[in-house]
């Protein structure tokens, strides 16, 4: 049998570095999420304002079809 040597200091440093990297990445993702939430709120306000300017018939014509392939989301990763 061979004896396994553990470098606890080196391993702990590598783990702490990885924790730091993932924490930074999470911060970026949370910021991107907050930006998207703000953009959605702004767009909803604009849409509400514009709907107020339209007649009822025009609003019914503008209903969004949820099966529209142009509205499908794709997976994207944040840029650093």
Protein backbone atom coordinates (compact mmCIF):
# COMPACT_ATOMS: atom_id res chain seq x y z
CA UNK A 1 0.00 0.00 0.00
CA UNK A 2 1.11 3.51 -0.74
CA UNK A 3 0.65 6.24 1.75
CA UNK A 4 -1.42 9.22 0.63
CA UNK A 5 -0.06 12.60 1.59
CA UNK A 6 -2.50 15.40 2.12
CA UNK A 7 -1.42 18.99 1.70
CA UNK A 8 -4.11 20.57 3.89
CA UNK A 9 -2.74 24.10 3.56
CA UNK A 10 -2.55 23.95 -0.23
CA UNK A 11 -5.95 22.26 -0.54
CA UNK A 12 -7.57 24.79 1.79
CA UNK A 13 -6.05 27.68 -0.17
CA UNK A 14 -7.37 26.23 -3.45
CA UNK A 15 -10.85 25.77 -1.95
CA UNK A 16 -10.87 29.31 -0.56
CA UNK A 17 -9.81 30.66 -3.97
CA UNK A 18 -12.65 28.75 -5.64
CA UNK A 19 -15.13 30.08 -3.05
CA UNK A 20 -13.95 33.62 -3.84
CA UNK A 21 -14.33 33.09 -7.60
CA UNK A 22 -17.82 31.63 -7.22
CA UNK A 23 -18.86 34.41 -4.83
CA UNK A 24 -17.75 37.02 -7.38
CA UNK A 25 -19.63 35.21 -10.14
CA UNK A 26 -22.76 35.06 -7.98
CA UNK A 27 -22.50 38.79 -7.34
CA UNK A 28 -22.36 39.46 -11.10
CA UNK A 29 -25.35 37.21 -11.72
CA UNK A 30 -27.35 38.89 -8.95
CA UNK A 31 -26.52 42.31 -10.41
CA UNK A 32 -27.61 41.16 -13.87
CA UNK A 33 -30.84 39.80 -12.36
CA UNK A 34 -31.52 43.11 -10.61
CA UNK A 35 -30.90 44.98 -13.88
CA UNK A 36 -33.34 42.73 -15.73
CA UNK A 37 -35.98 43.18 -13.02
CA UNK A 38 -35.61 46.95 -13.36
CA UNK A 39 -35.88 46.79 -17.14
CA UNK A 40 -39.01 44.62 -16.92
CA UNK A 41 -40.60 47.07 -14.46
CA UNK A 42 -39.84 49.97 -16.80
CA UNK A 43 -41.21 48.13 -19.83
CA UNK A 44 -44.35 47.14 -17.93
CA UNK A 45 -44.90 50.79 -17.04
CA UNK A 46 -44.47 51.86 -20.67
CA UNK A 47 -46.78 49.06 -21.84
CA UNK A 48 -49.41 50.08 -19.30
CA UNK A 49 -49.19 53.70 -20.43
CA UNK A 50 -49.48 52.71 -24.10
CA UNK A 51 -52.42 50.37 -23.41
CA UNK A 52 -54.17 53.34 -21.81
CA UNK A 53 -53.84 55.15 -25.13
CA UNK A 54 -55.44 52.30 -27.14
CA UNK A 55 -59.05 51.27 -27.58
CA UNK A 56 -60.27 47.91 -26.23
CA UNK A 57 -60.33 46.38 -29.72
CA UNK A 58 -56.72 47.36 -30.37
CA UNK A 59 -55.62 45.83 -27.06
CA UNK A 60 -57.25 42.48 -27.90
CA UNK A 61 -55.37 42.43 -31.23
CA UNK A 62 -52.05 42.90 -29.42
CA UNK A 63 -52.35 39.88 -27.09
CA UNK A 64 -49.12 37.91 -27.16
CA UNK A 65 -49.15 34.31 -28.40
CA UNK A 66 -47.14 32.29 -25.84
CA UNK A 67 -46.31 29.66 -28.48
CA UNK A 68 -44.45 32.23 -30.58
CA UNK A 69 -40.92 30.80 -31.14
CA UNK A 70 -39.47 34.33 -31.17
CA UNK A 71 -40.27 34.55 -27.45
CA UNK A 72 -38.37 31.40 -26.46
CA UNK A 73 -35.38 31.96 -24.20
CA UNK A 74 -31.90 30.73 -24.84
CA UNK A 75 -29.24 29.92 -22.30
CA UNK A 76 -26.64 32.65 -21.96
CA UNK A 77 -23.78 33.11 -19.57
CA UNK A 78 -22.78 36.50 -18.17
CA UNK A 79 -19.71 38.16 -19.65
CA UNK A 80 -16.95 39.03 -17.25
